[in-house]
């Protein structure tokens, strides 16, 4: 199978490549190095996306055990009771943050007209994957329990995540299914779902 890179993506990559060549190096197994590299990458991406200062944003503290998880709500501007997307940011589970995804999530809100709540979950290796899933579930339960105060329809809460966050969102959706916690939907963007290393595809390798 052969692949052709989309011209628009090709132009964007050509523009970004010089900046990406300056990303911090890392060695396989070096979590700290990977976190620095990914966070630098997210900073580059964020600079390419229009700022979202026009959106009303509300910072939230969501209870988690004896502490809190930070989250940020982006309001689309509707006044009626509405659905909301609980967003889990990417970064391979070891990097990324609400702040680094600020413009990305803001654009999702502007383009969809739907409120988003972006969650800062604990990062690995300090926080393992099971606990990351449990933190998303804690946020989901909190949204449902406080739906009236937050002006959210509890029957219209969607889980969404990209990359590592997509994997965590998928895991949380399975947990929610098994424990009869309703969700309205699941959106996974290039989710990180498996740990197994597959053989490289000759068609993709050049890219």
N, C-alpha and C. Protein backbone atom coordinates (compact mmCIF):
# COMPACT_ATOMS: atom_id res chain seq x y z
N UNK A 1 0.85 -1.19 0.00
CA UNK A 1 0.00 0.00 0.00
C UNK A 1 0.89 1.25 0.00
N UNK A 2 0.56 2.21 -0.83
CA UNK A 2 1.33 3.46 -0.88
C UNK A 2 0.48 4.59 -0.29
N UNK A 3 1.14 5.61 0.18
CA UNK A 3 0.48 6.73 0.82
C UNK A 3 0.91 8.03 0.15
N UNK A 4 0.01 9.00 0.12
CA UNK A 4 0.30 10.33 -0.40
C UNK A 4 -0.03 11.33 0.70
N UNK A 5 0.92 12.18 1.04
CA UNK A 5 0.68 13.15 2.10
C UNK A 5 -0.17 14.30 1.56
N UNK A 6 -1.15 14.71 2.35
CA UNK A 6 -2.05 15.78 1.95
C UNK A 6 -1.27 17.08 1.75
N UNK A 7 -1.51 17.81 0.66
CA UNK A 7 -0.73 19.03 0.38
C UNK A 7 -0.80 20.07 1.50
N UNK A 8 -1.99 20.22 2.11
CA UNK A 8 -2.12 21.20 3.19
C UNK A 8 -1.27 20.79 4.40
N UNK A 9 -1.32 19.50 4.73
CA UNK A 9 -0.49 18.99 5.83
C UNK A 9 0.98 19.13 5.48
N UNK A 10 1.34 18.85 4.24
CA UNK A 10 2.73 18.95 3.81
C UNK A 10 3.25 20.37 3.97
N UNK A 11 2.43 21.36 3.58
CA UNK A 11 2.85 22.76 3.72
C UNK A 11 3.03 23.14 5.19
N UNK A 12 2.10 22.65 6.01
CA UNK A 12 2.19 22.96 7.45
C UNK A 12 3.44 22.32 8.06
N UNK A 13 3.70 21.06 7.71
CA UNK A 13 4.88 20.38 8.24
C UNK A 13 6.16 21.06 7.78
N UNK A 14 6.19 21.53 6.54
CA UNK A 14 7.37 22.23 6.04
C UNK A 14 7.62 23.51 6.84
N UNK A 15 6.53 24.16 7.23
CA UNK A 15 6.64 25.38 8.03
C UNK A 15 7.13 25.08 9.45
N UNK A 16 6.62 23.97 10.03
CA UNK A 16 6.93 23.65 11.41
C UNK A 16 8.28 22.94 11.58
N UNK A 17 8.76 22.29 10.53
CA UNK A 17 9.94 21.45 10.65
C UNK A 17 11.14 22.16 11.26
N UNK A 18 11.47 23.39 10.82
CA UNK A 18 12.64 24.07 11.43
C UNK A 18 12.49 24.25 12.94
N UNK A 19 11.26 24.56 13.40
CA UNK A 19 11.05 24.72 14.84
C UNK A 19 11.14 23.38 15.56
N UNK A 20 10.64 22.32 14.92
CA UNK A 20 10.66 21.00 15.55
C UNK A 20 12.07 20.43 15.65
N UNK A 21 12.95 20.87 14.75
CA UNK A 21 14.34 20.40 14.82
C UNK A 21 15.04 20.90 16.07
N UNK A 22 14.49 21.94 16.69
CA UNK A 22 15.07 22.47 17.92
C UNK A 22 14.48 21.89 19.18
N UNK A 23 13.63 20.88 19.06
CA UNK A 23 13.03 20.27 20.25
C UNK A 23 14.11 19.57 21.08
N UNK A 24 13.94 19.56 22.42
CA UNK A 24 14.93 18.89 23.28
C UNK A 24 15.05 17.41 22.91
N UNK A 25 16.25 16.87 22.93
CA UNK A 25 16.43 15.44 22.62
C UNK A 25 15.96 14.57 23.78
N UNK A 26 15.77 13.29 23.50
CA UNK A 26 15.44 12.36 24.57
C UNK A 26 15.91 10.98 24.16
N UNK A 27 16.11 10.15 25.17
CA UNK A 27 16.50 8.76 24.93
C UNK A 27 15.34 7.86 25.32
N UNK A 28 15.21 6.72 24.65
CA UNK A 28 14.14 5.78 24.97
C UNK A 28 14.18 5.41 26.45
N UNK A 29 13.05 5.49 27.10
CA UNK A 29 12.96 5.18 28.52
C UNK A 29 13.17 6.38 29.43
N UNK A 30 13.54 7.52 28.86
CA UNK A 30 13.77 8.73 29.64
C UNK A 30 12.48 9.53 29.70
N UNK A 31 11.67 9.28 30.71
CA UNK A 31 10.37 9.93 30.82
C UNK A 31 10.50 11.43 30.96
N UNK A 32 11.45 11.88 31.76
CA UNK A 32 11.64 13.31 31.97
C UNK A 32 12.02 14.01 30.66
N UNK A 33 12.91 13.37 29.89
CA UNK A 33 13.31 13.94 28.62
C UNK A 33 12.16 14.00 27.63
N UNK A 34 11.33 12.93 27.63
CA UNK A 34 10.18 12.91 26.73
C UNK A 34 9.18 13.99 27.12
N UNK A 35 8.97 14.19 28.42
CA UNK A 35 8.04 15.23 28.88
C UNK A 35 8.51 16.61 28.42
N UNK A 36 9.79 16.89 28.56
CA UNK A 36 10.31 18.18 28.11
C UNK A 36 10.12 18.35 26.61
N UNK A 37 10.37 17.28 25.86
CA UNK A 37 10.26 17.35 24.41
C UNK A 37 8.79 17.56 23.99
N UNK A 38 7.88 16.80 24.59
CA UNK A 38 6.47 16.93 24.23
C UNK A 38 5.91 18.29 24.62
N UNK A 39 6.28 18.78 25.79
CA UNK A 39 5.78 20.08 26.22
C UNK A 39 6.29 21.19 25.30
N UNK A 40 7.52 21.07 24.84
CA UNK A 40 8.04 22.04 23.87
C UNK A 40 7.28 21.94 22.56
N UNK A 41 6.94 20.72 22.16
CA UNK A 41 6.15 20.52 20.94
C UNK A 41 4.76 21.16 21.07
N UNK A 42 4.11 20.95 22.22
CA UNK A 42 2.78 21.53 22.42
C UNK A 42 2.85 23.06 22.38
N UNK A 43 3.93 23.63 22.89
CA UNK A 43 4.08 25.08 22.85
C UNK A 43 4.15 25.57 21.41
N UNK A 44 4.85 24.81 20.55
CA UNK A 44 4.92 25.18 19.13
C UNK A 44 3.53 25.10 18.49
N UNK A 45 2.82 24.02 18.78
CA UNK A 45 1.48 23.84 18.19
C UNK A 45 0.54 24.95 18.64
N UNK A 46 0.57 25.26 19.93
CA UNK A 46 -0.32 26.28 20.48
C UNK A 46 -0.11 27.63 19.79
N UNK A 47 1.13 27.91 19.40
CA UNK A 47 1.43 29.19 18.77
C UNK A 47 0.84 29.28 17.36
N UNK A 48 0.49 28.14 16.77
CA UNK A 48 -0.06 28.14 15.40
C UNK A 48 -1.58 28.28 15.39
N UNK A 49 -2.20 28.26 16.57
CA UNK A 49 -3.66 28.28 16.67
C UNK A 49 -4.12 29.61 17.24
N UNK A 50 -5.16 30.15 16.66
CA UNK A 50 -5.64 31.46 17.08
C UNK A 50 -5.99 31.46 18.57
N UNK A 51 -5.60 32.51 19.31
CA UNK A 51 -5.94 32.60 20.73
C UNK A 51 -7.46 32.64 20.94
N UNK A 52 -7.86 32.29 22.12
CA UNK A 52 -9.29 32.19 22.41
C UNK A 52 -9.68 33.05 23.60
N UNK A 53 -9.09 34.24 23.70
CA UNK A 53 -9.40 35.11 24.83
C UNK A 53 -10.87 35.52 24.86
N UNK A 54 -11.52 35.49 23.70
CA UNK A 54 -12.92 35.91 23.63
C UNK A 54 -13.85 34.93 24.34
N UNK A 55 -13.39 33.69 24.53
CA UNK A 55 -14.21 32.69 25.21
C UNK A 55 -14.18 32.92 26.72
N UNK A 56 -15.36 32.81 27.33
CA UNK A 56 -15.40 32.85 28.79
C UNK A 56 -14.85 31.54 29.33
N UNK A 57 -13.92 31.65 30.28
CA UNK A 57 -13.31 30.47 30.87
C UNK A 57 -13.47 30.51 32.38
N UNK A 58 -13.79 29.37 32.96
CA UNK A 58 -13.97 29.26 34.40
C UNK A 58 -13.11 28.11 34.90
N UNK A 59 -12.20 28.39 35.84
CA UNK A 59 -11.37 27.34 36.41
C UNK A 59 -12.13 26.62 37.52
N UNK A 60 -11.95 25.31 37.56
CA UNK A 60 -12.68 24.46 38.50
C UNK A 60 -11.72 23.63 39.33
N UNK A 61 -12.11 23.33 40.55
CA UNK A 61 -11.41 22.37 41.40
C UNK A 61 -12.33 21.18 41.62
N UNK A 62 -11.92 20.03 41.09
CA UNK A 62 -12.75 18.82 41.18
C UNK A 62 -12.18 17.92 42.28
N UNK A 63 -12.98 17.56 43.28
CA UNK A 63 -12.47 16.74 44.39
C UNK A 63 -11.88 15.42 43.89
N UNK A 64 -10.71 15.09 44.46
CA UNK A 64 -10.06 13.81 44.18
C UNK A 64 -9.35 13.36 45.45
N UNK A 65 -9.89 12.30 46.08
CA UNK A 65 -9.36 11.78 47.34
C UNK A 65 -9.21 12.94 48.33
N UNK A 66 -8.01 13.22 48.83
CA UNK A 66 -7.86 14.29 49.82
C UNK A 66 -7.32 15.57 49.18
N UNK A 67 -7.44 15.69 47.87
CA UNK A 67 -6.96 16.89 47.18
C UNK A 67 -7.95 17.25 46.07
N UNK A 68 -7.49 18.00 45.07
CA UNK A 68 -8.35 18.41 43.97
C UNK A 68 -7.63 18.25 42.65
N UNK A 69 -8.41 18.07 41.59
CA UNK A 69 -7.91 18.09 40.23
C UNK A 69 -8.30 19.42 39.60
N UNK A 70 -7.35 20.03 38.91
CA UNK A 70 -7.65 21.29 38.24
C UNK A 70 -8.35 21.02 36.91
N UNK A 71 -9.32 21.82 36.58
CA UNK A 71 -10.00 21.72 35.29
C UNK A 71 -10.40 23.12 34.84
N UNK A 72 -10.63 23.27 33.56
CA UNK A 72 -11.03 24.57 33.01
C UNK A 72 -12.24 24.37 32.12
N UNK A 73 -13.26 25.16 32.38
CA UNK A 73 -14.47 25.11 31.55
C UNK A 73 -14.44 26.25 30.53
N UNK A 74 -14.70 25.90 29.28
CA UNK A 74 -14.78 26.86 28.20
C UNK A 74 -16.26 26.96 27.81
N UNK A 75 -16.82 28.17 27.96
CA UNK A 75 -18.25 28.34 27.74
C UNK A 75 -18.51 28.83 26.32
N UNK A 76 -19.39 28.10 25.64
CA UNK A 76 -19.71 28.43 24.25
C UNK A 76 -20.67 29.61 24.13
N UNK A 77 -21.29 30.01 25.24
CA UNK A 77 -22.13 31.19 25.21
C UNK A 77 -23.62 30.91 25.22
N UNK A 78 -24.02 29.64 25.29
CA UNK A 78 -25.43 29.32 25.33
C UNK A 78 -25.94 29.41 26.77
N UNK A 79 -27.20 29.74 26.94
CA UNK A 79 -27.74 29.94 28.28
C UNK A 79 -28.60 28.77 28.74
N UNK A 80 -29.13 27.99 27.80
CA UNK A 80 -30.00 26.88 28.20
C UNK A 80 -29.15 25.73 28.74
N UNK A 81 -29.81 24.85 29.50
CA UNK A 81 -29.13 23.66 29.98
C UNK A 81 -28.58 22.89 28.78
N UNK A 82 -27.33 22.44 28.89
CA UNK A 82 -26.66 21.94 27.70
C UNK A 82 -25.74 20.76 28.01
N UNK A 83 -25.35 20.12 26.93
CA UNK A 83 -24.34 19.08 27.05
C UNK A 83 -22.96 19.68 27.20
N UNK A 84 -22.00 18.82 27.53
CA UNK A 84 -20.63 19.27 27.73
C UNK A 84 -19.68 18.14 27.35
N UNK A 85 -18.49 18.50 26.90
CA UNK A 85 -17.45 17.53 26.58
C UNK A 85 -16.41 17.56 27.68
N UNK A 86 -16.14 16.41 28.28
CA UNK A 86 -15.05 16.27 29.25
C UNK A 86 -13.82 15.85 28.46
N UNK A 87 -12.84 16.75 28.36
CA UNK A 87 -11.70 16.55 27.47
C UNK A 87 -10.46 16.12 28.26
N UNK A 88 -9.77 15.09 27.72
CA UNK A 88 -8.55 14.56 28.33
C UNK A 88 -7.40 14.82 27.37
N UNK A 89 -6.48 15.68 27.75
CA UNK A 89 -5.42 16.12 26.84
C UNK A 89 -4.41 15.01 26.54
N UNK A 90 -3.70 15.19 25.43
CA UNK A 90 -2.69 14.23 25.02
C UNK A 90 -1.34 14.48 25.67
N UNK A 91 -0.37 13.68 25.25
CA UNK A 91 0.97 13.78 25.80
C UNK A 91 1.53 12.43 26.21
N UNK A 92 0.92 11.36 25.69
CA UNK A 92 1.41 10.02 26.01
C UNK A 92 1.19 9.61 27.45
N UNK A 93 0.35 10.37 28.17
CA UNK A 93 0.12 10.08 29.58
C UNK A 93 1.20 10.64 30.48
N UNK A 94 2.27 11.20 29.90
CA UNK A 94 3.40 11.69 30.70
C UNK A 94 3.64 13.18 30.54
N UNK A 95 2.93 13.84 29.62
CA UNK A 95 3.18 15.25 29.34
C UNK A 95 1.87 15.94 29.01
N UNK A 96 1.95 17.24 28.76
CA UNK A 96 0.77 18.02 28.41
C UNK A 96 0.07 18.59 29.63
N UNK A 97 -0.83 19.55 29.39
CA UNK A 97 -1.57 20.19 30.48
C UNK A 97 -2.75 20.95 29.89
N UNK A 98 -3.63 21.38 30.76
CA UNK A 98 -4.75 22.22 30.34
C UNK A 98 -4.24 23.48 29.67
N UNK A 99 -3.25 24.13 30.28
CA UNK A 99 -2.72 25.38 29.72
C UNK A 99 -2.13 25.17 28.33
N UNK A 100 -1.41 24.08 28.13
CA UNK A 100 -0.78 23.84 26.83
C UNK A 100 -1.80 23.50 25.75
N UNK A 101 -2.97 23.06 26.15
CA UNK A 101 -4.04 22.76 25.21
C UNK A 101 -5.08 23.89 25.13
N UNK A 102 -4.77 25.02 25.72
CA UNK A 102 -5.77 26.08 25.86
C UNK A 102 -6.36 26.50 24.51
N UNK A 103 -5.50 26.83 23.55
CA UNK A 103 -6.00 27.29 22.25
C UNK A 103 -6.64 26.16 21.46
N UNK A 104 -6.10 24.95 21.61
CA UNK A 104 -6.65 23.80 20.89
C UNK A 104 -8.09 23.54 21.33
N UNK A 105 -8.29 23.45 22.64
CA UNK A 105 -9.64 23.20 23.16
C UNK A 105 -10.55 24.38 22.86
N UNK A 106 -10.02 25.59 22.97
CA UNK A 106 -10.82 26.77 22.67
C UNK A 106 -11.38 26.74 21.26
N UNK A 107 -10.56 26.28 20.31
CA UNK A 107 -11.04 26.19 18.94
C UNK A 107 -12.12 25.12 18.78
N UNK A 108 -12.00 24.02 19.52
CA UNK A 108 -13.06 23.01 19.50
C UNK A 108 -14.39 23.64 19.94
N UNK A 109 -14.33 24.48 20.96
CA UNK A 109 -15.54 25.11 21.49
C UNK A 109 -16.12 26.07 20.46
N UNK A 110 -15.26 26.90 19.88
CA UNK A 110 -15.73 27.88 18.90
C UNK A 110 -16.36 27.19 17.70
N UNK A 111 -15.75 26.12 17.23
CA UNK A 111 -16.23 25.46 16.02
C UNK A 111 -17.45 24.58 16.26
N UNK A 112 -17.61 24.08 17.49
CA UNK A 112 -18.72 23.16 17.78
C UNK A 112 -19.90 23.85 18.45
N UNK A 113 -19.64 24.96 19.14
CA UNK A 113 -20.69 25.60 19.90
C UNK A 113 -21.08 24.85 21.16
N UNK A 114 -20.19 23.98 21.63
CA UNK A 114 -20.44 23.14 22.81
C UNK A 114 -19.42 23.47 23.89
N UNK A 115 -19.86 23.51 25.14
CA UNK A 115 -18.94 23.72 26.25
C UNK A 115 -17.98 22.54 26.37
N UNK A 116 -16.72 22.85 26.73
CA UNK A 116 -15.73 21.82 27.04
C UNK A 116 -15.23 22.04 28.46
N UNK A 117 -14.92 20.94 29.13
CA UNK A 117 -14.22 20.98 30.42
C UNK A 117 -12.95 20.17 30.24
N UNK A 118 -11.81 20.86 30.29
CA UNK A 118 -10.50 20.25 30.07
C UNK A 118 -9.89 19.90 31.42
N UNK A 119 -9.46 18.65 31.58
CA UNK A 119 -9.04 18.13 32.88
C UNK A 119 -7.52 17.98 32.97
N UNK A 120 -6.94 18.47 34.06
CA UNK A 120 -5.52 18.22 34.37
C UNK A 120 -5.44 16.98 35.27
N UNK A 121 -5.18 15.85 34.66
CA UNK A 121 -5.04 14.60 35.42
C UNK A 121 -3.57 14.41 35.81
N UNK A 122 -3.29 13.51 36.72
CA UNK A 122 -1.93 13.23 37.12
C UNK A 122 -1.14 12.55 36.01
N UNK A 123 0.11 12.95 35.84
CA UNK A 123 0.94 12.41 34.76
C UNK A 123 1.81 11.25 35.26
N UNK A 124 2.06 10.30 34.35
CA UNK A 124 2.98 9.20 34.64
C UNK A 124 4.42 9.72 34.52
N UNK A 125 5.38 9.12 35.22
CA UNK A 125 5.23 7.92 36.05
C UNK A 125 4.76 8.20 37.47
N UNK A 126 4.61 9.49 37.82
CA UNK A 126 4.17 9.81 39.18
C UNK A 126 2.77 9.25 39.44
N UNK A 127 1.94 9.22 38.40
CA UNK A 127 0.57 8.71 38.50
C UNK A 127 0.41 7.59 37.49
N UNK A 128 0.02 6.41 37.93
CA UNK A 128 -0.09 5.31 36.96
C UNK A 128 -1.39 5.38 36.17
N UNK A 129 -1.46 4.57 35.12
CA UNK A 129 -2.58 4.64 34.19
C UNK A 129 -3.93 4.33 34.82
N UNK A 130 -3.97 3.40 35.75
CA UNK A 130 -5.23 3.07 36.41
C UNK A 130 -5.77 4.28 37.16
N UNK A 131 -4.88 4.98 37.86
CA UNK A 131 -5.32 6.15 38.62
C UNK A 131 -5.73 7.27 37.67
N UNK A 132 -5.05 7.43 36.53
CA UNK A 132 -5.46 8.42 35.55
C UNK A 132 -6.91 8.16 35.11
N UNK A 133 -7.23 6.90 34.86
CA UNK A 133 -8.60 6.54 34.50
C UNK A 133 -9.56 6.89 35.63
N UNK A 134 -9.19 6.55 36.86
CA UNK A 134 -10.04 6.83 38.01
C UNK A 134 -10.26 8.33 38.20
N UNK A 135 -9.25 9.13 37.86
CA UNK A 135 -9.40 10.58 37.98
C UNK A 135 -10.41 11.11 36.96
N UNK A 136 -10.39 10.57 35.75
CA UNK A 136 -11.39 10.98 34.76
C UNK A 136 -12.78 10.56 35.22
N UNK A 137 -12.90 9.38 35.78
CA UNK A 137 -14.19 8.91 36.30
C UNK A 137 -14.66 9.81 37.44
N UNK A 138 -13.73 10.23 38.31
CA UNK A 138 -14.10 11.13 39.40
C UNK A 138 -14.64 12.44 38.85
N UNK A 139 -14.02 12.95 37.79
CA UNK A 139 -14.50 14.19 37.16
C UNK A 139 -15.88 13.96 36.54
N UNK A 140 -16.07 12.82 35.88
CA UNK A 140 -17.36 12.51 35.28
C UNK A 140 -18.45 12.44 36.34
N UNK A 141 -18.18 11.75 37.44
CA UNK A 141 -19.17 11.65 38.52
C UNK A 141 -19.47 13.03 39.10
N UNK A 142 -18.44 13.85 39.27
CA UNK A 142 -18.63 15.18 39.85
C UNK A 142 -19.50 16.04 38.95
N UNK A 143 -19.29 15.95 37.65
CA UNK A 143 -20.11 16.71 36.70
C UNK A 143 -21.58 16.27 36.79
N UNK A 144 -21.80 14.97 36.90
CA UNK A 144 -23.16 14.48 37.00
C UNK A 144 -23.82 14.91 38.32
N UNK A 145 -23.06 14.84 39.41
CA UNK A 145 -23.60 15.19 40.72
C UNK A 145 -23.88 16.68 40.86
N UNK A 146 -23.15 17.50 40.10
CA UNK A 146 -23.29 18.96 40.20
C UNK A 146 -23.87 19.55 38.92
N UNK A 147 -24.59 18.73 38.18
CA UNK A 147 -25.10 19.15 36.87
C UNK A 147 -26.02 20.37 36.98
N UNK A 148 -26.89 20.39 37.96
CA UNK A 148 -27.83 21.50 38.08
C UNK A 148 -27.09 22.82 38.32
N UNK A 149 -26.15 22.79 39.25
CA UNK A 149 -25.38 24.01 39.56
C UNK A 149 -24.55 24.47 38.37
N UNK A 150 -24.02 23.50 37.61
CA UNK A 150 -23.17 23.82 36.46
C UNK A 150 -23.97 24.08 35.19
N UNK A 151 -25.30 23.94 35.26
CA UNK A 151 -26.17 24.11 34.10
C UNK A 151 -25.80 23.14 32.99
N UNK A 152 -25.61 21.88 33.38
CA UNK A 152 -25.24 20.81 32.44
C UNK A 152 -26.35 19.77 32.44
N UNK A 153 -26.66 19.26 31.27
CA UNK A 153 -27.58 18.13 31.17
C UNK A 153 -26.77 16.85 31.43
N UNK A 154 -27.01 16.14 32.54
CA UNK A 154 -26.20 14.96 32.86
C UNK A 154 -26.32 13.84 31.85
N UNK A 155 -27.35 13.89 31.01
CA UNK A 155 -27.52 12.88 29.97
C UNK A 155 -26.74 13.23 28.70
N UNK A 156 -26.05 14.38 28.72
CA UNK A 156 -25.34 14.84 27.53
C UNK A 156 -23.88 15.16 27.85
N UNK A 157 -23.22 14.25 28.55
CA UNK A 157 -21.79 14.40 28.85
C UNK A 157 -21.01 13.44 27.95
N UNK A 158 -20.12 13.98 27.16
CA UNK A 158 -19.32 13.20 26.21
C UNK A 158 -17.87 13.17 26.68
N UNK A 159 -17.23 12.01 26.61
CA UNK A 159 -15.80 11.88 26.88
C UNK A 159 -15.03 12.06 25.58
N UNK A 160 -13.92 12.79 25.64
CA UNK A 160 -13.11 13.04 24.45
C UNK A 160 -11.65 13.17 24.85
N UNK A 161 -10.76 12.66 24.00
CA UNK A 161 -9.34 12.83 24.25
C UNK A 161 -8.54 12.56 23.00
N UNK A 162 -7.32 13.07 22.96
CA UNK A 162 -6.44 12.78 21.83
C UNK A 162 -5.16 12.11 22.32
N UNK A 163 -4.60 11.27 21.46
CA UNK A 163 -3.34 10.58 21.74
C UNK A 163 -3.42 9.85 23.08
N UNK A 164 -2.49 10.13 24.00
CA UNK A 164 -2.54 9.47 25.29
C UNK A 164 -3.84 9.74 26.02
N UNK A 165 -4.37 10.95 25.86
CA UNK A 165 -5.66 11.29 26.46
C UNK A 165 -6.80 10.51 25.84
N UNK A 166 -6.67 10.17 24.55
CA UNK A 166 -7.68 9.34 23.90
C UNK A 166 -7.72 7.95 24.50
N UNK A 167 -6.54 7.41 24.84
CA UNK A 167 -6.49 6.12 25.48
C UNK A 167 -7.10 6.14 26.87
N UNK A 168 -6.83 7.21 27.61
CA UNK A 168 -7.40 7.33 28.96
C UNK A 168 -8.91 7.50 28.88
N UNK A 169 -9.38 8.29 27.91
CA UNK A 169 -10.82 8.47 27.74
C UNK A 169 -11.49 7.15 27.38
N UNK A 170 -10.83 6.35 26.52
CA UNK A 170 -11.38 5.05 26.16
C UNK A 170 -11.46 4.14 27.37
N UNK A 171 -10.41 4.14 28.19
CA UNK A 171 -10.40 3.33 29.40
C UNK A 171 -11.51 3.77 30.35
N UNK A 172 -11.68 5.10 30.48
CA UNK A 172 -12.74 5.62 31.36
C UNK A 172 -14.12 5.23 30.84
N UNK A 173 -14.29 5.21 29.51
CA UNK A 173 -15.57 4.82 28.93
C UNK A 173 -15.89 3.36 29.24
N UNK A 174 -14.87 2.50 29.18
CA UNK A 174 -15.08 1.09 29.53
C UNK A 174 -15.45 0.94 31.00
N UNK A 175 -14.77 1.70 31.85
CA UNK A 175 -15.09 1.68 33.29
C UNK A 175 -16.53 2.14 33.50
N UNK A 176 -16.90 3.25 32.83
CA UNK A 176 -18.25 3.78 32.97
C UNK A 176 -19.28 2.75 32.52
N UNK A 177 -19.01 2.06 31.41
CA UNK A 177 -19.92 1.02 30.93
C UNK A 177 -20.09 -0.08 31.97
N UNK A 178 -18.97 -0.56 32.51
CA UNK A 178 -19.01 -1.69 33.45
C UNK A 178 -19.63 -1.32 34.78
N UNK A 179 -19.61 -0.02 35.13
CA UNK A 179 -20.16 0.41 36.42
C UNK A 179 -21.45 1.21 36.24
N UNK A 180 -22.04 1.11 35.04
CA UNK A 180 -23.36 1.69 34.77
C UNK A 180 -23.39 3.20 35.02
N UNK A 181 -22.32 3.87 34.62
CA UNK A 181 -22.27 5.34 34.67
C UNK A 181 -22.55 5.84 33.25
N UNK A 182 -23.68 6.46 33.01
CA UNK A 182 -24.03 6.83 31.63
C UNK A 182 -23.10 7.91 31.07
N UNK A 183 -22.73 7.76 29.80
CA UNK A 183 -22.10 8.84 29.04
C UNK A 183 -22.84 8.92 27.71
N UNK A 184 -22.81 10.12 27.12
CA UNK A 184 -23.56 10.34 25.87
C UNK A 184 -22.75 9.94 24.65
N UNK A 185 -21.44 9.82 24.81
CA UNK A 185 -20.62 9.47 23.66
C UNK A 185 -19.15 9.47 24.00
N UNK A 186 -18.35 9.00 23.05
CA UNK A 186 -16.90 8.90 23.22
C UNK A 186 -16.24 9.32 21.91
N UNK A 187 -15.33 10.30 21.99
CA UNK A 187 -14.60 10.77 20.81
C UNK A 187 -13.11 10.53 21.07
N UNK A 188 -12.49 9.69 20.22
CA UNK A 188 -11.07 9.38 20.35
C UNK A 188 -10.34 9.92 19.12
N UNK A 189 -9.34 10.76 19.34
CA UNK A 189 -8.55 11.32 18.25
C UNK A 189 -7.16 10.68 18.30
N UNK A 190 -6.78 9.98 17.24
CA UNK A 190 -5.55 9.17 17.18
C UNK A 190 -5.18 8.63 18.57
N UNK A 191 -6.07 7.83 19.16
CA UNK A 191 -5.86 7.40 20.55
C UNK A 191 -4.70 6.42 20.71
N UNK A 192 -4.02 6.54 21.83
CA UNK A 192 -2.95 5.62 22.20
C UNK A 192 -3.59 4.47 22.96
N UNK A 193 -3.85 3.36 22.27
CA UNK A 193 -4.65 2.28 22.84
C UNK A 193 -3.85 1.05 23.23
N UNK A 194 -2.70 0.81 22.61
CA UNK A 194 -1.96 -0.42 22.86
C UNK A 194 -0.50 -0.16 23.17
N UNK A 195 0.10 -1.08 23.89
CA UNK A 195 1.52 -0.95 24.25
C UNK A 195 2.41 -1.79 23.35
N UNK A 196 1.82 -2.64 22.53
CA UNK A 196 2.62 -3.55 21.73
C UNK A 196 3.26 -2.81 20.56
N UNK A 197 4.52 -3.06 20.32
CA UNK A 197 5.23 -2.47 19.20
C UNK A 197 5.00 -3.34 17.97
N UNK A 198 4.47 -2.76 16.91
CA UNK A 198 4.21 -3.51 15.69
C UNK A 198 5.34 -3.29 14.70
N UNK A 199 5.37 -4.13 13.69
CA UNK A 199 6.37 -3.96 12.64
C UNK A 199 6.08 -2.68 11.87
N UNK A 200 7.10 -1.88 11.58
CA UNK A 200 6.86 -0.63 10.84
C UNK A 200 6.34 -0.90 9.44
N UNK A 201 5.43 -0.05 8.99
CA UNK A 201 4.89 -0.16 7.65
C UNK A 201 5.83 0.52 6.66
N UNK A 202 6.30 -0.19 5.63
CA UNK A 202 7.18 0.43 4.64
C UNK A 202 6.55 1.65 3.98
N UNK A 203 5.22 1.65 3.86
CA UNK A 203 4.56 2.77 3.23
C UNK A 203 4.56 4.03 4.06
N UNK A 204 4.52 3.85 5.40
CA UNK A 204 4.44 5.02 6.30
C UNK A 204 5.83 5.49 6.72
N UNK A 205 6.79 4.59 6.80
CA UNK A 205 8.12 4.91 7.32
C UNK A 205 8.73 6.18 6.72
N UNK A 206 8.63 6.40 5.40
CA UNK A 206 9.24 7.62 4.85
C UNK A 206 8.68 8.93 5.40
N UNK A 207 7.48 8.85 5.97
CA UNK A 207 6.87 10.05 6.49
C UNK A 207 7.12 10.27 7.98
